C-alpha atoms as a PDB file:
ATOM      1  CA  MET A   1     -17.444  73.786  28.598  1.00  0.00           C
ATOM      2  CA  SER A   2     -14.958  75.234  26.184  1.00  0.00           C
ATOM      3  CA  ASP A   3     -14.466  74.172  22.614  1.00  0.00           C
ATOM      4  CA  PHE A   4     -11.055  72.758  23.605  1.00  0.00           C
ATOM      5  CA  GLY A   5     -12.642  70.533  26.263  1.00  0.00           C
ATOM      6  CA  ASP A   6     -15.068  69.061  23.718  1.00  0.00           C
ATOM      7  CA  ARG A   7     -12.238  68.083  21.396  1.00  0.00           C
ATOM      8  CA  THR A   8     -10.319  66.428  24.239  1.00  0.00           C
ATOM      9  CA  ALA A   9     -13.323  64.353  25.271  1.00  0.00           C
ATOM     10  CA  GLN A  10     -13.863  63.212  21.674  1.00  0.00           C
ATOM     11  CA  ALA A  11     -10.188  62.219  21.336  1.00  0.00           C
ATOM     12  CA  GLU A  12     -10.372  60.084  24.481  1.00  0.00           C
ATOM     13  CA  THR A  13     -13.373  58.084  23.247  1.00  0.00           C
ATOM     14  CA  ARG A  14     -11.863  57.063  19.873  1.00  0.00           C
ATOM     15  CA  PRO A  15     -11.052  53.363  19.440  1.00  0.00           C
ATOM     16  CA  PRO A  16      -7.373  52.372  19.414  1.00  0.00           C
ATOM     17  CA  ARG A  17      -5.625  52.519  16.013  1.00  0.00           C
ATOM     18  CA  THR A  18      -5.381  49.292  14.017  1.00  0.00           C
ATOM     19  CA  PRO A  19      -2.470  48.574  11.706  1.00  0.00           C
ATOM     20  CA  GLN A  20      -2.905  49.963   8.237  1.00  0.00           C
ATOM     21  CA  PRO A  21      -3.585  47.416   5.459  1.00  0.00           C
ATOM     22  CA  LYS A  22      -0.498  48.606   3.554  1.00  0.00           C
ATOM     23  CA  ALA A  23       1.771  47.981   6.513  1.00  0.00           C
ATOM     24  CA  LEU A  24       0.294  44.511   7.061  1.00  0.00           C
ATOM     25  CA  HIS A  25       0.675  43.700   3.365  1.00  0.00           C
ATOM     26  CA  PHE A  26       4.317  44.840   3.434  1.00  0.00           C
ATOM     27  CA  ALA A  27       5.034  42.677   6.494  1.00  0.00           C
ATOM     28  CA  LEU A  28       3.524  39.587   4.812  1.00  0.00           C
ATOM     29  CA  VAL A  29       5.525  40.186   1.609  1.00  0.00           C
ATOM     30  CA  MET A  30       8.744  40.510   3.609  1.00  0.00           C
ATOM     31  CA  LEU A  31       7.980  37.317   5.568  1.00  0.00           C
ATOM     32  CA  GLY A  32       7.294  35.416   2.338  1.00  0.00           C
ATOM     33  CA  GLY A  33      10.522  36.744   0.825  1.00  0.00           C
ATOM     34  CA  CYS A  34      12.516  35.524   3.826  1.00  0.00           C
ATOM     35  CA  VAL A  35      10.989  32.030   3.559  1.00  0.00           C
ATOM     36  CA  VAL A  36      11.790  31.807  -0.179  1.00  0.00           C
ATOM     37  CA  LEU A  37      15.324  33.086   0.377  1.00  0.00           C
ATOM     38  CA  SER A  38      15.984  30.525   3.120  1.00  0.00           C
ATOM     39  CA  LEU A  39      14.723  27.708   0.858  1.00  0.00           C
ATOM     40  CA  VAL A  40      16.982  28.834  -2.009  1.00  0.00           C
ATOM     41  CA  ILE A  41      20.001  29.022   0.287  1.00  0.00           C
ATOM     42  CA  GLY A  42      19.216  25.541   1.649  1.00  0.00           C
ATOM     43  CA  VAL A  43      19.044  24.072  -1.856  1.00  0.00           C
ATOM     44  CA  LEU A  44      22.332  25.741  -2.849  1.00  0.00           C
ATOM     45  CA  PHE A  45      24.125  24.380   0.228  1.00  0.00           C
ATOM     46  CA  ARG A  46      22.871  20.863  -0.519  1.00  0.00           C
ATOM     47  CA  GLN A  47      24.210  21.042  -4.082  1.00  0.00           C
ATOM     48  CA  VAL A  48      27.714  22.128  -3.001  1.00  0.00           C
ATOM     49  CA  ASP A  49      29.568  19.479  -1.033  1.00  0.00           C
ATOM     50  CA  PRO A  50      32.783  20.893   0.492  1.00  0.00           C
ATOM     51  CA  ALA A  51      34.136  17.383   1.081  1.00  0.00           C
ATOM     52  CA  GLY A  52      34.067  16.633  -2.654  1.00  0.00           C
ATOM     53  CA  PRO A  53      32.305  13.799  -4.429  1.00  0.00           C
ATOM     54  CA  SER A  54      31.389  10.785  -2.400  1.00  0.00           C
ATOM     55  CA  VAL A  55      30.180   7.293  -3.186  1.00  0.00           C
ATOM     56  CA  ALA A  56      26.459   7.015  -2.624  1.00  0.00           C
ATOM     57  CA  PRO A  57      25.160   3.912  -0.859  1.00  0.00           C
ATOM     58  CA  PRO A  58      23.602   1.365  -3.201  1.00  0.00           C
ATOM     59  CA  ARG A  59      19.923   2.008  -3.918  1.00  0.00           C
ATOM     60  CA  LEU A  60      17.292  -0.669  -3.623  1.00  0.00           C
ATOM     61  CA  ASN A  61      15.345  -1.202  -6.825  1.00  0.00           C
ATOM     62  CA  MET A  62      11.989  -0.115  -5.428  1.00  0.00           C
ATOM     63  CA  ALA A  63      11.171   2.700  -7.860  1.00  0.00           C
ATOM     64  CA  VAL A  64       8.128   2.325 -10.075  1.00  0.00           C
ATOM     65  CA  PRO A  65       8.935   3.240 -13.680  1.00  0.00           C
ATOM     66  CA  ALA A  66       6.973   6.115 -15.180  1.00  0.00           C
ATOM     67  CA  ARG A  67       4.266   5.201 -17.647  1.00  0.00           C
ATOM     68  CA  GLY A  68       5.099   5.903 -21.252  1.00  0.00           C
ATOM     69  CA  SER A  69       8.766   6.546 -20.591  1.00  0.00           C
ATOM     70  CA  ALA A  70      10.986   5.065 -23.285  1.00  0.00           C
ATOM     71  CA  THR A  71      13.871   4.567 -20.864  1.00  0.00           C
ATOM     72  CA  ALA A  72      11.894   3.054 -17.990  1.00  0.00           C
ATOM     73  CA  ALA A  73      12.868  -0.498 -17.174  1.00  0.00           C
ATOM     74  CA  SER A  74       9.597  -2.391 -17.013  1.00  0.00           C
ATOM     75  CA  ASN A  75       8.475  -5.926 -17.630  1.00  0.00           C
ATOM     76  CA  VAL A  76       7.084  -6.160 -21.147  1.00  0.00           C
ATOM     77  CA  LEU A  77       5.910  -8.999 -23.367  1.00  0.00           C
ATOM     78  CA  GLN A  78       4.921  -8.547 -27.007  1.00  0.00           C
ATOM     79  CA  TYR A  79       2.896 -10.806 -29.270  1.00  0.00           C
ATOM     80  CA  HIS A  80       2.189 -10.420 -32.986  1.00  0.00           C
ATOM     81  CA  ALA A  81      -1.257 -10.904 -34.490  1.00  0.00           C
ATOM     82  CA  ASP A  82      -1.881 -13.749 -36.919  1.00  0.00           C
ATOM     83  CA  ALA A  83      -3.055 -13.132 -40.508  1.00  0.00           C
ATOM     84  CA  SER A  84      -6.660 -12.655 -39.321  1.00  0.00           C
ATOM     85  CA  GLY A  85      -5.628 -10.026 -36.739  1.00  0.00           C
ATOM     86  CA  HIS A  86      -6.138 -12.257 -33.674  1.00  0.00           C
ATOM     87  CA  PHE A  87      -3.641 -12.827 -30.881  1.00  0.00           C
ATOM     88  CA  PHE A  88      -2.979 -16.436 -29.872  1.00  0.00           C
ATOM     89  CA  ILE A  89      -0.841 -17.019 -26.794  1.00  0.00           C
ATOM     90  CA  ASP A  90       0.470 -20.149 -25.129  1.00  0.00           C
ATOM     91  CA  ALA A  91       0.144 -19.825 -21.360  1.00  0.00           C
ATOM     92  CA  ALA A  92       0.746 -22.278 -18.538  1.00  0.00           C
ATOM     93  CA  VAL A  93      -2.392 -22.811 -16.432  1.00  0.00           C
ATOM     94  CA  ASN A  94      -1.630 -24.633 -13.188  1.00  0.00           C
ATOM     95  CA  GLY A  95       1.590 -25.767 -14.892  1.00  0.00           C
ATOM     96  CA  THR A  96      -0.017 -27.090 -18.119  1.00  0.00           C
ATOM     97  CA  THR A  97       0.471 -25.248 -21.425  1.00  0.00           C
ATOM     98  CA  ILE A  98      -2.810 -24.143 -22.993  1.00  0.00           C
ATOM     99  CA  ARG A  99      -3.422 -22.242 -26.228  1.00  0.00           C
ATOM    100  CA  PHE A 100      -5.473 -19.051 -25.707  1.00  0.00           C
ATOM    101  CA  LEU A 101      -7.112 -16.449 -27.887  1.00  0.00           C
ATOM    102  CA  VAL A 102      -6.770 -13.021 -26.247  1.00  0.00           C
ATOM    103  CA  ASP A 103     -10.320 -11.681 -25.956  1.00  0.00           C
ATOM    104  CA  THR A 104     -10.811  -8.238 -24.371  1.00  0.00           C
ATOM    105  CA  GLY A 105     -14.566  -8.714 -24.793  1.00  0.00           C
ATOM    106  CA  ALA A 106     -14.616 -11.736 -22.461  1.00  0.00           C
ATOM    107  CA  SER A 107     -15.103 -10.726 -18.834  1.00  0.00           C
ATOM    108  CA  VAL A 108     -13.268 -13.792 -17.499  1.00  0.00           C
ATOM    109  CA  VAL A 109     -10.828 -16.434 -18.650  1.00  0.00           C
ATOM    110  CA  ALA A 110     -12.893 -19.164 -20.315  1.00  0.00           C
ATOM    111  CA  LEU A 111     -11.515 -22.694 -20.604  1.00  0.00           C
ATOM    112  CA  SER A 112     -12.769 -25.432 -22.859  1.00  0.00           C
ATOM    113  CA  PRO A 113     -13.672 -28.659 -20.995  1.00  0.00           C
ATOM    114  CA  GLU A 114     -10.603 -30.360 -22.494  1.00  0.00           C
ATOM    115  CA  ASP A 115      -8.226 -27.573 -21.411  1.00  0.00           C
ATOM    116  CA  ALA A 116      -9.750 -27.529 -17.921  1.00  0.00           C
ATOM    117  CA  ARG A 117      -9.142 -31.273 -17.525  1.00  0.00           C
ATOM    118  CA  ALA A 118      -5.559 -30.850 -18.776  1.00  0.00           C
ATOM    119  CA  ALA A 119      -5.034 -28.133 -16.133  1.00  0.00           C
ATOM    120  CA  GLY A 120      -6.239 -30.465 -13.384  1.00  0.00           C
ATOM    121  CA  ILE A 121      -9.777 -29.121 -12.974  1.00  0.00           C
ATOM    122  CA  SER A 122     -12.005 -32.151 -12.564  1.00  0.00           C
ATOM    123  CA  ASP A 123     -15.487 -32.297 -14.106  1.00  0.00           C
ATOM    124  CA  GLY A 124     -16.733 -33.877 -10.884  1.00  0.00           C
ATOM    125  CA  VAL A 125     -16.235 -30.707  -8.820  1.00  0.00           C
ATOM    126  CA  LEU A 126     -17.775 -28.332 -11.382  1.00  0.00           C
ATOM    127  CA  SER A 127     -21.351 -27.090 -11.284  1.00  0.00           C
ATOM    128  CA  PHE A 128     -22.462 -25.868 -14.713  1.00  0.00           C
ATOM    129  CA  SER A 129     -25.088 -23.540 -13.274  1.00  0.00           C
ATOM    130  CA  GLU A 130     -23.980 -20.295 -14.973  1.00  0.00           C
ATOM    131  CA  THR A 131     -25.706 -19.305 -18.221  1.00  0.00           C
ATOM    132  CA  VAL A 132     -23.343 -17.416 -20.506  1.00  0.00           C
ATOM    133  CA  THR A 133     -23.897 -15.800 -23.865  1.00  0.00           C
ATOM    134  CA  THR A 134     -21.279 -16.475 -26.517  1.00  0.00           C
ATOM    135  CA  ALA A 135     -20.961 -15.694 -30.207  1.00  0.00           C
ATOM    136  CA  ASN A 136     -22.634 -19.080 -30.845  1.00  0.00           C
ATOM    137  CA  GLY A 137     -25.556 -18.451 -28.481  1.00  0.00           C
ATOM    138  CA  GLU A 138     -26.280 -19.353 -24.858  1.00  0.00           C
ATOM    139  CA  THR A 139     -24.480 -22.163 -23.089  1.00  0.00           C
ATOM    140  CA  HIS A 140     -23.639 -23.224 -19.541  1.00  0.00           C
ATOM    141  CA  ALA A 141     -20.418 -22.745 -17.618  1.00  0.00           C
ATOM    142  CA  ALA A 142     -18.982 -23.484 -14.198  1.00  0.00           C
ATOM    143  CA  GLN A 143     -17.035 -21.019 -12.081  1.00  0.00           C
ATOM    144  CA  ALA A 144     -13.451 -21.913 -11.216  1.00  0.00           C
ATOM    145  CA  THR A 145     -10.300 -20.293  -9.889  1.00  0.00           C
ATOM    146  CA  LEU A 146      -6.983 -20.920 -11.625  1.00  0.00           C
ATOM    147  CA  ARG A 147      -4.087 -21.264  -9.180  1.00  0.00           C
ATOM    148  CA  SER A 148      -1.646 -19.809 -11.692  1.00  0.00           C
ATOM    149  CA  VAL A 149      -1.581 -18.373 -15.203  1.00  0.00           C
ATOM    150  CA  ARG A 150       1.950 -17.888 -16.535  1.00  0.00           C
ATOM    151  CA  LEU A 151       3.114 -16.110 -19.682  1.00  0.00           C
ATOM    152  CA  GLU A 152       6.873 -16.568 -19.929  1.00  0.00           C
ATOM    153  CA  GLN A 153       8.234 -14.765 -16.805  1.00  0.00           C
ATOM    154  CA  LEU A 154       4.859 -13.196 -15.886  1.00  0.00           C
ATOM    155  CA  GLU A 155       2.745 -15.146 -13.397  1.00  0.00           C
ATOM    156  CA  VAL A 156      -0.685 -14.143 -12.082  1.00  0.00           C
ATOM    157  CA  LEU A 157      -2.141 -16.131  -9.185  1.00  0.00           C
ATOM    158  CA  GLU A 158      -5.748 -16.929  -8.253  1.00  0.00           C
ATOM    159  CA  VAL A 159      -7.365 -15.920 -11.549  1.00  0.00           C
ATOM    160  CA  PRO A 160     -11.191 -16.152 -11.739  1.00  0.00           C
ATOM    161  CA  ALA A 161     -12.334 -18.253 -14.695  1.00  0.00           C
ATOM    162  CA  VAL A 162     -15.173 -20.289 -16.116  1.00  0.00           C
ATOM    163  CA  VAL A 163     -15.111 -23.758 -17.624  1.00  0.00           C
ATOM    164  CA  MET A 164     -17.467 -24.077 -20.575  1.00  0.00           C
ATOM    165  CA  GLN A 165     -19.771 -27.092 -20.638  1.00  0.00           C
ATOM    166  CA  GLN A 166     -19.574 -27.422 -24.422  1.00  0.00           C
ATOM    167  CA  SER A 167     -16.377 -27.774 -26.406  1.00  0.00           C
ATOM    168  CA  MET A 168     -14.894 -24.699 -27.995  1.00  0.00           C
ATOM    169  CA  PRO A 169     -12.083 -24.430 -30.549  1.00  0.00           C
ATOM    170  CA  VAL A 170      -9.780 -22.423 -28.251  1.00  0.00           C
ATOM    171  CA  SER A 171      -9.835 -21.143 -24.671  1.00  0.00           C
ATOM    172  CA  LEU A 172     -10.186 -17.392 -24.122  1.00  0.00           C
ATOM    173  CA  LEU A 173      -7.800 -15.185 -22.158  1.00  0.00           C
ATOM    174  CA  GLY A 174     -10.261 -12.587 -20.872  1.00  0.00           C
ATOM    175  CA  MET A 175     -10.378  -9.588 -18.588  1.00  0.00           C
ATOM    176  CA  SER A 176     -10.080 -11.447 -15.268  1.00  0.00           C
ATOM    177  CA  PHE A 177      -6.442 -11.952 -16.315  1.00  0.00           C
ATOM    178  CA  LEU A 178      -5.841  -8.765 -18.347  1.00  0.00           C
ATOM    179  CA  LYS A 179      -7.114  -6.389 -15.650  1.00  0.00           C
ATOM    180  CA  ARG A 180      -4.474  -7.722 -13.243  1.00  0.00           C
ATOM    181  CA  LEU A 181      -1.708  -6.315 -15.474  1.00  0.00           C
ATOM    182  CA  ASP A 182      -0.214  -2.833 -15.229  1.00  0.00           C
ATOM    183  CA  GLY A 183      -1.372  -2.325 -18.786  1.00  0.00           C
ATOM    184  CA  TYR A 184      -1.821  -3.763 -22.244  1.00  0.00           C
ATOM    185  CA  SER A 185      -2.169  -2.181 -25.662  1.00  0.00           C
ATOM    186  CA  ILE A 186      -2.663  -3.216 -29.267  1.00  0.00           C
ATOM    187  CA  ARG A 187      -0.893  -1.153 -31.909  1.00  0.00           C
ATOM    188  CA  ASP A 188       0.142  -1.984 -35.467  1.00  0.00           C
ATOM    189  CA  GLY A 189      -0.607  -5.675 -35.044  1.00  0.00           C
ATOM    190  CA  VAL A 190       1.395  -6.002 -31.819  1.00  0.00           C
ATOM    191  CA  LEU A 191      -0.085  -6.789 -28.391  1.00  0.00           C
ATOM    192  CA  THR A 192       2.076  -5.317 -25.620  1.00  0.00           C
ATOM    193  CA  ILE A 193       1.604  -6.556 -22.048  1.00  0.00           C
ATOM    194  CA  GLU A 194       3.169  -4.674 -19.117  1.00  0.00           C
ATOM    195  CA  TRP A 195       3.422  -5.606 -15.453  1.00  0.00           C
END
């Protein structure tokens, strides 16, 4: 067989040509450019209204304000510390006003026996089976659920609490209430509550 015949046979057995990587890269860049250009044109057409300004329909107030924004309209309460640096708050529990000490170290709202009775929680339905550790040592408490805890216009429903078996000077507003808020902070002697 001639030399020419060998070259022809070799040419016929070669695999078909695949697109070059440069050509494929160029095609992808062009496709991406077209997508970006169409998005830009769409945004420009939305900004220009040939009919002129129009009155937008009223918006429902469903937006959640951004955290930390000075202009966001949120629900905020502020309380000032007393001379010792503690925060005392009057809150309505089940409709009865009770004096609380805000205590971020207390895991639940803790009511004195007197405050519990004033809020309509009867001693007869309480089981003082929980042992709790306080600053004054161990004591017993009974679990309870407060129908409502209200601070001015803020109301939190179904708040877990305990009723202390022994008297205490003031009831404690603990984390079972505070963790239900959007946030709270203490800065420069001011307690800020947000919801």
